[in-house]
Amino acid sequence: MLRTGARAGGLRKRCAQSPERWEPQLTPELRESCKKAPLECRQAAETLAAGWTTDDEAFGALRAFAAACQGGDAKSCGVIDRRFTQVRSLSERPVPEYPKAARDKRLQGTSAATCTFTRTGVVTSCTVERPVPELDGPFLAWIREEPYQAATLDGRSFGCEYRLEFRLSIGPG
């Protein structure tokens, strides 16, 4: 029996949205800077969020709010929860068939890919964090075919990088 659980950035297939806060990858410099001055980071994020016109500005605002939040600014944490929505799957289709080569080798575990999404929710590229050749191809193809809702800031869509995670296991028998 095959068991595959898909988790896409806080969203598990056939389950409700996880209450986890969206935490994009941060550069060490941003993390350190905002740890020292979280209020200034929140103010910079507010400036970006107030007048963003490009995807980079919207995602930059998210990163700055996230860094300020991690630096101890509770207001920034609330802003992320209220004003941003994560990329999310729009379908309930099952994960792809577990490849025979992976079953034969009893390959299991967590696979993660960071993908780039457009403002319309289309996947343009993905990078697998720890490649497993027997699993990567089918799951990357499945990711690219899946319909997604783009991330939003104040209800406006923006393109961004987003981490998708899949827990894969082969059940008994």
C-alpha atoms as a PDB file:
ATOM      1  CA  MET A   1       0.000   0.000   0.000  1.00  0.00           C
ATOM      2  CA  LEU A   2       1.254   3.441  -0.906  1.00  0.00           C
ATOM      3  CA  ARG A   3       0.780   6.498   1.273  1.00  0.00           C
ATOM      4  CA  THR A   4       1.622   9.928   0.009  1.00  0.00           C
ATOM      5  CA  GLY A   5       0.809  13.059   1.913  1.00  0.00           C
ATOM      6  CA  ALA A   6       1.270  16.310   0.095  1.00  0.00           C
ATOM      7  CA  ARG A   7       1.960  19.494   1.957  1.00  0.00           C
ATOM      8  CA  ALA A   8       2.237  22.660  -0.075  1.00  0.00           C
ATOM      9  CA  GLY A   9       3.600  25.519   1.967  1.00  0.00           C
ATOM     10  CA  GLY A  10       1.225  25.038   4.860  1.00  0.00           C
ATOM     11  CA  LEU A  11      -1.568  23.496   2.825  1.00  0.00           C
ATOM     12  CA  ARG A  12      -2.127  19.752   2.963  1.00  0.00           C
ATOM     13  CA  LYS A  13      -4.138  18.086   0.223  1.00  0.00           C
ATOM     14  CA  ARG A  14      -7.730  17.440   1.322  1.00  0.00           C
ATOM     15  CA  CYS A  15      -7.158  19.301   4.619  1.00  0.00           C
ATOM     16  CA  ALA A  16      -7.867  22.779   5.893  1.00  0.00           C
ATOM     17  CA  GLN A  17      -5.275  25.533   5.703  1.00  0.00           C
ATOM     18  CA  SER A  18      -2.684  25.282   8.423  1.00  0.00           C
ATOM     19  CA  PRO A  19      -2.604  28.196  10.873  1.00  0.00           C
ATOM     20  CA  GLU A  20       1.152  28.486  10.363  1.00  0.00           C
ATOM     21  CA  ARG A  21       2.432  31.948   9.501  1.00  0.00           C
ATOM     22  CA  TRP A  22       4.019  32.376   6.097  1.00  0.00           C
ATOM     23  CA  GLU A  23       7.766  32.624   6.618  1.00  0.00           C
ATOM     24  CA  PRO A  24       9.645  33.198   3.370  1.00  0.00           C
ATOM     25  CA  GLN A  25      13.364  32.562   3.174  1.00  0.00           C
ATOM     26  CA  LEU A  26      15.332  35.526   4.465  1.00  0.00           C
ATOM     27  CA  THR A  27      18.886  36.538   3.770  1.00  0.00           C
ATOM     28  CA  PRO A  28      21.160  36.419   6.826  1.00  0.00           C
ATOM     29  CA  GLU A  29      21.771  40.160   6.410  1.00  0.00           C
ATOM     30  CA  LEU A  30      18.069  41.034   6.511  1.00  0.00           C
ATOM     31  CA  ARG A  31      17.452  38.698   9.445  1.00  0.00           C
ATOM     32  CA  GLU A  32      20.328  40.225  11.434  1.00  0.00           C
ATOM     33  CA  SER A  33      19.429  43.822  10.551  1.00  0.00           C
ATOM     34  CA  CYS A  34      15.808  43.355  11.604  1.00  0.00           C
ATOM     35  CA  LYS A  35      16.816  41.532  14.755  1.00  0.00           C
ATOM     36  CA  LYS A  36      18.695  44.699  15.767  1.00  0.00           C
ATOM     37  CA  ALA A  37      16.004  47.158  14.617  1.00  0.00           C
ATOM     38  CA  PRO A  38      12.611  45.454  14.104  1.00  0.00           C
ATOM     39  CA  LEU A  39      10.624  48.704  14.223  1.00  0.00           C
ATOM     40  CA  GLU A  40      12.665  50.191  11.381  1.00  0.00           C
ATOM     41  CA  CYS A  41      12.145  47.006   9.362  1.00  0.00           C
ATOM     42  CA  ARG A  42       8.393  47.206   9.887  1.00  0.00           C
ATOM     43  CA  GLN A  43       8.407  50.850   8.780  1.00  0.00           C
ATOM     44  CA  ALA A  44      10.366  49.956   5.620  1.00  0.00           C
ATOM     45  CA  ALA A  45       7.946  47.078   4.960  1.00  0.00           C
ATOM     46  CA  GLU A  46       4.961  49.403   5.384  1.00  0.00           C
ATOM     47  CA  THR A  47       6.465  51.781   2.824  1.00  0.00           C
ATOM     48  CA  LEU A  48       6.941  48.945   0.328  1.00  0.00           C
ATOM     49  CA  ALA A  49       3.476  47.495   0.998  1.00  0.00           C
ATOM     50  CA  ALA A  50       1.741  50.866   0.674  1.00  0.00           C
ATOM     51  CA  GLY A  51       2.790  51.573  -2.892  1.00  0.00           C
ATOM     52  CA  TRP A  52       4.011  48.353  -4.446  1.00  0.00           C
ATOM     53  CA  THR A  53       3.768  47.973  -8.196  1.00  0.00           C
ATOM     54  CA  THR A  54       6.157  45.073  -8.850  1.00  0.00           C
ATOM     55  CA  ASP A  55       6.262  41.506  -7.600  1.00  0.00           C
ATOM     56  CA  ASP A  56       9.675  42.173  -6.061  1.00  0.00           C
ATOM     57  CA  GLU A  57       8.270  45.056  -4.003  1.00  0.00           C
ATOM     58  CA  ALA A  58       5.340  42.990  -2.700  1.00  0.00           C
ATOM     59  CA  PHE A  59       7.552  40.011  -1.858  1.00  0.00           C
ATOM     60  CA  GLY A  60      10.138  42.392  -0.380  1.00  0.00           C
ATOM     61  CA  ALA A  61       7.451  43.798   1.924  1.00  0.00           C
ATOM     62  CA  LEU A  62       6.570  40.263   3.036  1.00  0.00           C
ATOM     63  CA  ARG A  63      10.233  39.472   3.707  1.00  0.00           C
ATOM     64  CA  ALA A  64      10.722  42.686   5.694  1.00  0.00           C
ATOM     65  CA  PHE A  65       7.575  42.061   7.772  1.00  0.00           C
ATOM     66  CA  ALA A  66       8.702  38.455   8.363  1.00  0.00           C
ATOM     67  CA  ALA A  67      12.190  39.579   9.450  1.00  0.00           C
ATOM     68  CA  ALA A  68      10.708  42.203  11.792  1.00  0.00           C
ATOM     69  CA  CYS A  69       8.337  39.559  13.183  1.00  0.00           C
ATOM     70  CA  GLN A  70      11.242  37.190  13.821  1.00  0.00           C
ATOM     71  CA  GLY A  71      13.089  40.152  15.391  1.00  0.00           C
ATOM     72  CA  GLY A  72      10.330  40.468  17.976  1.00  0.00           C
ATOM     73  CA  ASP A  73       7.904  42.992  16.458  1.00  0.00           C
ATOM     74  CA  ALA A  74       4.459  41.502  17.164  1.00  0.00           C
ATOM     75  CA  LYS A  75       2.688  44.073  14.927  1.00  0.00           C
ATOM     76  CA  SER A  76       4.636  42.760  11.927  1.00  0.00           C
ATOM     77  CA  CYS A  77       3.464  39.231  12.719  1.00  0.00           C
ATOM     78  CA  GLY A  78      -0.135  40.456  12.699  1.00  0.00           C
ATOM     79  CA  VAL A  79       0.356  42.279   9.402  1.00  0.00           C
ATOM     80  CA  ILE A  80       1.496  39.052   7.717  1.00  0.00           C
ATOM     81  CA  ASP A  81      -1.545  37.195   9.014  1.00  0.00           C
ATOM     82  CA  ARG A  82      -4.009  39.943   7.987  1.00  0.00           C
ATOM     83  CA  ARG A  83      -2.675  41.328   4.732  1.00  0.00           C
ATOM     84  CA  PHE A  84      -0.915  38.458   2.956  1.00  0.00           C
ATOM     85  CA  THR A  85      -2.264  35.193   1.584  1.00  0.00           C
ATOM     86  CA  GLN A  86      -0.023  32.307   0.611  1.00  0.00           C
ATOM     87  CA  VAL A  87       0.088  30.488  -2.689  1.00  0.00           C
ATOM     88  CA  ARG A  88      -2.501  27.724  -2.481  1.00  0.00           C
ATOM     89  CA  SER A  89      -3.659  24.803  -4.526  1.00  0.00           C
ATOM     90  CA  LEU A  90      -7.014  25.155  -6.265  1.00  0.00           C
ATOM     91  CA  SER A  91      -7.647  21.455  -6.774  1.00  0.00           C
ATOM     92  CA  GLU A  92      -8.228  18.330  -4.752  1.00  0.00           C
ATOM     93  CA  ARG A  93      -6.580  15.932  -7.152  1.00  0.00           C
ATOM     94  CA  PRO A  94      -4.476  13.143  -5.667  1.00  0.00           C
ATOM     95  CA  VAL A  95      -0.695  13.207  -5.697  1.00  0.00           C
ATOM     96  CA  PRO A  96       0.859  11.306  -8.604  1.00  0.00           C
ATOM     97  CA  GLU A  97       1.519   7.588  -8.674  1.00  0.00           C
ATOM     98  CA  TYR A  98       4.524   6.639  -6.593  1.00  0.00           C
ATOM     99  CA  PRO A  99       7.195   5.632  -9.146  1.00  0.00           C
ATOM    100  CA  LYS A 100       8.044   1.915  -9.273  1.00  0.00           C
ATOM    101  CA  ALA A 101      11.793   2.599  -9.014  1.00  0.00           C
ATOM    102  CA  ALA A 102      11.178   4.521  -5.773  1.00  0.00           C
ATOM    103  CA  ARG A 103       8.894   1.775  -4.403  1.00  0.00           C
ATOM    104  CA  ASP A 104      11.465  -0.888  -5.252  1.00  0.00           C
ATOM    105  CA  LYS A 105      14.138   1.043  -3.352  1.00  0.00           C
ATOM    106  CA  ARG A 106      11.653   1.840  -0.525  1.00  0.00           C
ATOM    107  CA  LEU A 107      12.445   5.554  -0.864  1.00  0.00           C
ATOM    108  CA  GLN A 108      10.483   7.586   1.694  1.00  0.00           C
ATOM    109  CA  GLY A 109      10.761  10.902   3.451  1.00  0.00           C
ATOM    110  CA  THR A 110      10.150  14.576   2.874  1.00  0.00           C
ATOM    111  CA  SER A 111      10.852  16.175  -0.455  1.00  0.00           C
ATOM    112  CA  ALA A 112      10.807  19.943  -0.903  1.00  0.00           C
ATOM    113  CA  ALA A 113      10.964  22.245  -3.895  1.00  0.00           C
ATOM    114  CA  THR A 114      11.097  26.019  -4.120  1.00  0.00           C
ATOM    115  CA  CYS A 115       9.024  27.145  -7.072  1.00  0.00           C
ATOM    116  CA  THR A 116       8.485  30.473  -8.778  1.00  0.00           C
ATOM    117  CA  PHE A 117       4.833  31.450  -9.262  1.00  0.00           C
ATOM    118  CA  THR A 118       3.457  34.201 -11.486  1.00  0.00           C
ATOM    119  CA  ARG A 119       0.707  36.663 -10.539  1.00  0.00           C
ATOM    120  CA  THR A 120      -1.751  34.253 -12.129  1.00  0.00           C
ATOM    121  CA  GLY A 121      -0.565  31.248 -10.115  1.00  0.00           C
ATOM    122  CA  VAL A 122       1.394  29.564 -12.921  1.00  0.00           C
ATOM    123  CA  VAL A 123       4.580  27.711 -11.938  1.00  0.00           C
ATOM    124  CA  THR A 124       7.492  28.877 -14.091  1.00  0.00           C
ATOM    125  CA  SER A 125      10.360  26.996 -12.418  1.00  0.00           C
ATOM    126  CA  CYS A 126      11.190  24.758  -9.466  1.00  0.00           C
ATOM    127  CA  THR A 127      14.370  23.767  -7.675  1.00  0.00           C
ATOM    128  CA  VAL A 128      14.409  20.581  -5.618  1.00  0.00           C
ATOM    129  CA  GLU A 129      16.251  20.989  -2.316  1.00  0.00           C
ATOM    130  CA  ARG A 130      17.508  17.418  -1.913  1.00  0.00           C
ATOM    131  CA  PRO A 131      17.167  15.707  -5.266  1.00  0.00           C
ATOM    132  CA  VAL A 132      15.976  12.096  -5.417  1.00  0.00           C
ATOM    133  CA  PRO A 133      16.028  11.153  -9.116  1.00  0.00           C
ATOM    134  CA  GLU A 134      13.417   8.401  -8.752  1.00  0.00           C
ATOM    135  CA  LEU A 135      10.877  10.832  -7.260  1.00  0.00           C
ATOM    136  CA  ASP A 136      11.697  14.270  -8.618  1.00  0.00           C
ATOM    137  CA  GLY A 137      10.416  13.971 -12.191  1.00  0.00           C
ATOM    138  CA  PRO A 138       6.849  12.829 -11.453  1.00  0.00           C
ATOM    139  CA  PHE A 139       6.387  15.227  -8.564  1.00  0.00           C
ATOM    140  CA  LEU A 140       7.787  18.235 -10.415  1.00  0.00           C
ATOM    141  CA  ALA A 141       5.486  17.457 -13.338  1.00  0.00           C
ATOM    142  CA  TRP A 142       2.553  17.203 -10.903  1.00  0.00           C
ATOM    143  CA  ILE A 143       3.484  20.556  -9.318  1.00  0.00           C
ATOM    144  CA  ARG A 144       3.619  22.258 -12.720  1.00  0.00           C
ATOM    145  CA  GLU A 145       0.217  20.878 -13.760  1.00  0.00           C
ATOM    146  CA  GLU A 146      -1.534  21.807 -10.499  1.00  0.00           C
ATOM    147  CA  PRO A 147      -3.705  24.947 -10.600  1.00  0.00           C
ATOM    148  CA  TYR A 148      -2.731  27.495  -7.923  1.00  0.00           C
ATOM    149  CA  GLN A 149      -4.016  30.766  -6.582  1.00  0.00           C
ATOM    150  CA  ALA A 150      -1.208  33.324  -6.483  1.00  0.00           C
ATOM    151  CA  ALA A 151      -0.016  34.979  -3.295  1.00  0.00           C
ATOM    152  CA  THR A 152      -1.729  38.261  -2.468  1.00  0.00           C
ATOM    153  CA  LEU A 153      -1.009  41.460  -0.569  1.00  0.00           C
ATOM    154  CA  ASP A 154      -4.173  43.382   0.330  1.00  0.00           C
ATOM    155  CA  GLY A 155      -6.097  41.276  -2.193  1.00  0.00           C
ATOM    156  CA  ARG A 156      -3.754  42.003  -5.130  1.00  0.00           C
ATOM    157  CA  SER A 157      -1.882  39.057  -6.633  1.00  0.00           C
ATOM    158  CA  PHE A 158       1.890  39.025  -6.879  1.00  0.00           C
ATOM    159  CA  GLY A 159       4.436  36.550  -8.190  1.00  0.00           C
ATOM    160  CA  CYS A 160       6.934  35.039  -5.789  1.00  0.00           C
ATOM    161  CA  GLU A 161       9.035  32.059  -4.797  1.00  0.00           C
ATOM    162  CA  TYR A 162       7.196  29.562  -2.613  1.00  0.00           C
ATOM    163  CA  ARG A 163       8.341  26.357  -0.917  1.00  0.00           C
ATOM    164  CA  LEU A 164       6.281  23.212  -1.489  1.00  0.00           C
ATOM    165  CA  GLU A 165       6.853  20.188   0.723  1.00  0.00           C
ATOM    166  CA  PHE A 166       5.769  16.574   0.217  1.00  0.00           C
ATOM    167  CA  ARG A 167       5.891  13.757   2.752  1.00  0.00           C
ATOM    168  CA  LEU A 168       6.187  10.442   0.975  1.00  0.00           C
ATOM    169  CA  SER A 169       5.879   7.009   2.544  1.00  0.00           C
ATOM    170  CA  ILE A 170       5.235   3.455   1.479  1.00  0.00           C
ATOM    171  CA  GLY A 171       2.778   1.733   3.780  1.00  0.00           C
ATOM    172  CA  PRO A 172       2.828  -1.972   4.726  1.00  0.00           C
ATOM    173  CA  GLY A 173       1.960  -4.598   2.174  1.00  0.00           C
END
